[in-house]
C-alpha atoms as a PDB file:
ATOM      1  CA  MET A   1     -21.745-117.618  42.666  1.00  0.00           C
ATOM      2  CA  GLU A   2     -20.344-115.317  40.017  1.00  0.00           C
ATOM      3  CA  ILE A   3     -16.851-115.683  41.493  1.00  0.00           C
ATOM      4  CA  ARG A   4     -16.853-119.466  41.113  1.00  0.00           C
ATOM      5  CA  LEU A   5     -19.288-120.111  38.250  1.00  0.00           C
ATOM      6  CA  SER A   6     -19.855-118.706  34.811  1.00  0.00           C
ATOM      7  CA  THR A   7     -22.126-115.695  34.425  1.00  0.00           C
ATOM      8  CA  LYS A   8     -24.680-117.889  32.671  1.00  0.00           C
ATOM      9  CA  ASP A   9     -24.678-120.572  35.385  1.00  0.00           C
ATOM     10  CA  ALA A  10     -24.924-118.020  38.205  1.00  0.00           C
ATOM     11  CA  TYR A  11     -27.879-116.354  36.468  1.00  0.00           C
ATOM     12  CA  GLU A  12     -29.671-119.651  35.834  1.00  0.00           C
ATOM     13  CA  ILE A  13     -29.256-120.858  39.416  1.00  0.00           C
ATOM     14  CA  ALA A  14     -30.467-117.568  40.899  1.00  0.00           C
ATOM     15  CA  THR A  15     -33.407-117.395  38.506  1.00  0.00           C
ATOM     16  CA  ARG A  16     -34.403-121.015  39.114  1.00  0.00           C
ATOM     17  CA  HIS A  17     -34.180-120.424  42.866  1.00  0.00           C
ATOM     18  CA  GLU A  18     -36.804-117.670  42.557  1.00  0.00           C
ATOM     19  CA  SER A  19     -39.120-119.561  40.205  1.00  0.00           C
ATOM     20  CA  THR A  20     -41.780-120.140  42.865  1.00  0.00           C
ATOM     21  CA  SER A  21     -41.512-116.712  44.505  1.00  0.00           C
ATOM     22  CA  ARG A  22     -44.048-113.985  43.807  1.00  0.00           C
ATOM     23  CA  GLY A  23     -44.648-110.277  44.186  1.00  0.00           C
ATOM     24  CA  ASN A  24     -42.298-107.779  45.763  1.00  0.00           C
ATOM     25  CA  GLY A  25     -40.222-110.501  47.413  1.00  0.00           C
ATOM     26  CA  LYS A  26     -39.400-112.007  44.043  1.00  0.00           C
ATOM     27  CA  GLU A  27     -38.687-108.619  42.490  1.00  0.00           C
ATOM     28  CA  MET A  28     -36.419-107.702  45.406  1.00  0.00           C
ATOM     29  CA  ASP A  29     -34.486-110.961  45.164  1.00  0.00           C
ATOM     30  CA  GLN A  30     -34.078-110.697  41.394  1.00  0.00           C
ATOM     31  CA  ARG A  31     -32.791-107.130  41.613  1.00  0.00           C
ATOM     32  CA  ASN A  32     -30.414-107.929  44.464  1.00  0.00           C
ATOM     33  CA  SER A  33     -29.187-111.079  42.732  1.00  0.00           C
ATOM     34  CA  SER A  34     -28.370-109.101  39.619  1.00  0.00           C
ATOM     35  CA  ILE A  35     -26.433-106.544  41.660  1.00  0.00           C
ATOM     36  CA  GLY A  36     -24.665-109.303  43.593  1.00  0.00           C
ATOM     37  CA  ARG A  37     -23.620-111.084  40.409  1.00  0.00           C
ATOM     38  CA  GLN A  38     -22.125-107.846  39.108  1.00  0.00           C
ATOM     39  CA  LEU A  39     -20.210-107.370  42.358  1.00  0.00           C
ATOM     40  CA  GLY A  40     -18.892-110.914  42.015  1.00  0.00           C
ATOM     41  CA  ARG A  41     -17.789-110.262  38.421  1.00  0.00           C
ATOM     42  CA  ASP A  42     -16.051-107.078  39.540  1.00  0.00           C
ATOM     43  CA  ASN A  43     -14.036-109.020  42.134  1.00  0.00           C
ATOM     44  CA  THR A  44     -13.334-112.265  40.262  1.00  0.00           C
ATOM     45  CA  GLY A  45      -9.635-112.997  40.095  1.00  0.00           C
ATOM     46  CA  LYS A  46      -8.739-110.580  42.866  1.00  0.00           C
ATOM     47  CA  ALA A  47      -7.225-111.658  46.156  1.00  0.00           C
ATOM     48  CA  SER A  48      -9.958-112.334  48.731  1.00  0.00           C
ATOM     49  CA  ALA A  49     -12.706-112.043  46.075  1.00  0.00           C
ATOM     50  CA  GLY A  50     -15.358-113.487  48.408  1.00  0.00           C
ATOM     51  CA  ILE A  51     -14.530-111.085  51.206  1.00  0.00           C
ATOM     52  CA  ARG A  52     -14.403-108.129  48.816  1.00  0.00           C
ATOM     53  CA  SER A  53     -17.794-109.087  47.359  1.00  0.00           C
ATOM     54  CA  ARG A  54     -19.327-109.558  50.807  1.00  0.00           C
ATOM     55  CA  ASP A  55     -18.045-106.160  51.909  1.00  0.00           C
ATOM     56  CA  ALA A  56     -19.348-104.550  48.709  1.00  0.00           C
ATOM     57  CA  CYS A  57     -22.801-106.017  49.439  1.00  0.00           C
ATOM     58  CA  LYS A  58     -22.721-104.675  53.008  1.00  0.00           C
ATOM     59  CA  ASN A  59     -21.698-101.244  51.744  1.00  0.00           C
ATOM     60  CA  GLY A  60     -24.373-101.368  49.053  1.00  0.00           C
ATOM     61  CA  THR A  61     -26.997-102.129  51.681  1.00  0.00           C
ATOM     62  CA  SER A  62     -26.064 -99.174  53.876  1.00  0.00           C
ATOM     63  CA  ARG A  63     -25.820 -96.841  50.874  1.00  0.00           C
ATOM     64  CA  GLY A  64     -29.203 -97.769  49.409  1.00  0.00           C
ATOM     65  CA  LYS A  65     -27.849 -99.666  46.409  1.00  0.00           C
ATOM     66  CA  LEU A  66     -29.842-102.824  47.233  1.00  0.00           C
ATOM     67  CA  TRP A  67     -33.549-103.441  47.764  1.00  0.00           C
ATOM     68  CA  ILE A  68     -35.733-104.466  50.716  1.00  0.00           C
ATOM     69  CA  THR A  69     -39.441-104.814  51.313  1.00  0.00           C
ATOM     70  CA  LYS A  70     -40.816-102.447  53.924  1.00  0.00           C
ATOM     71  CA  SER A  71     -44.490-102.383  54.851  1.00  0.00           C
ATOM     72  CA  GLY A  72     -45.147-104.499  51.762  1.00  0.00           C
ATOM     73  CA  LYS A  73     -43.412-102.075  49.403  1.00  0.00           C
ATOM     74  CA  LEU A  74     -40.166-102.440  47.488  1.00  0.00           C
ATOM     75  CA  VAL A  75     -37.757 -99.712  48.640  1.00  0.00           C
ATOM     76  CA  ARG A  76     -34.032 -98.944  48.621  1.00  0.00           C
ATOM     77  CA  SER A  77     -32.070-100.650  51.382  1.00  0.00           C
ATOM     78  CA  ASN A  78     -31.298 -97.447  53.270  1.00  0.00           C
ATOM     79  CA  ALA A  79     -34.967 -96.429  53.532  1.00  0.00           C
END
């Protein structure tokens, strides 16, 4: 969203989307959304911004930069 929308709009949409979530799932999504928005900002205006952002998210997942829930706990994505 950050590639195509303003920072404010991307934040509001992501936050509104999680308004009914709870617990670790909500925390995970909010953290990952924040990281994803930053990746989008970093790639805005570059050729293939969507592909670059997608690849950065995949790399972040394998390198433990994102968050997952595992056995009910919030942990780094490479755990």
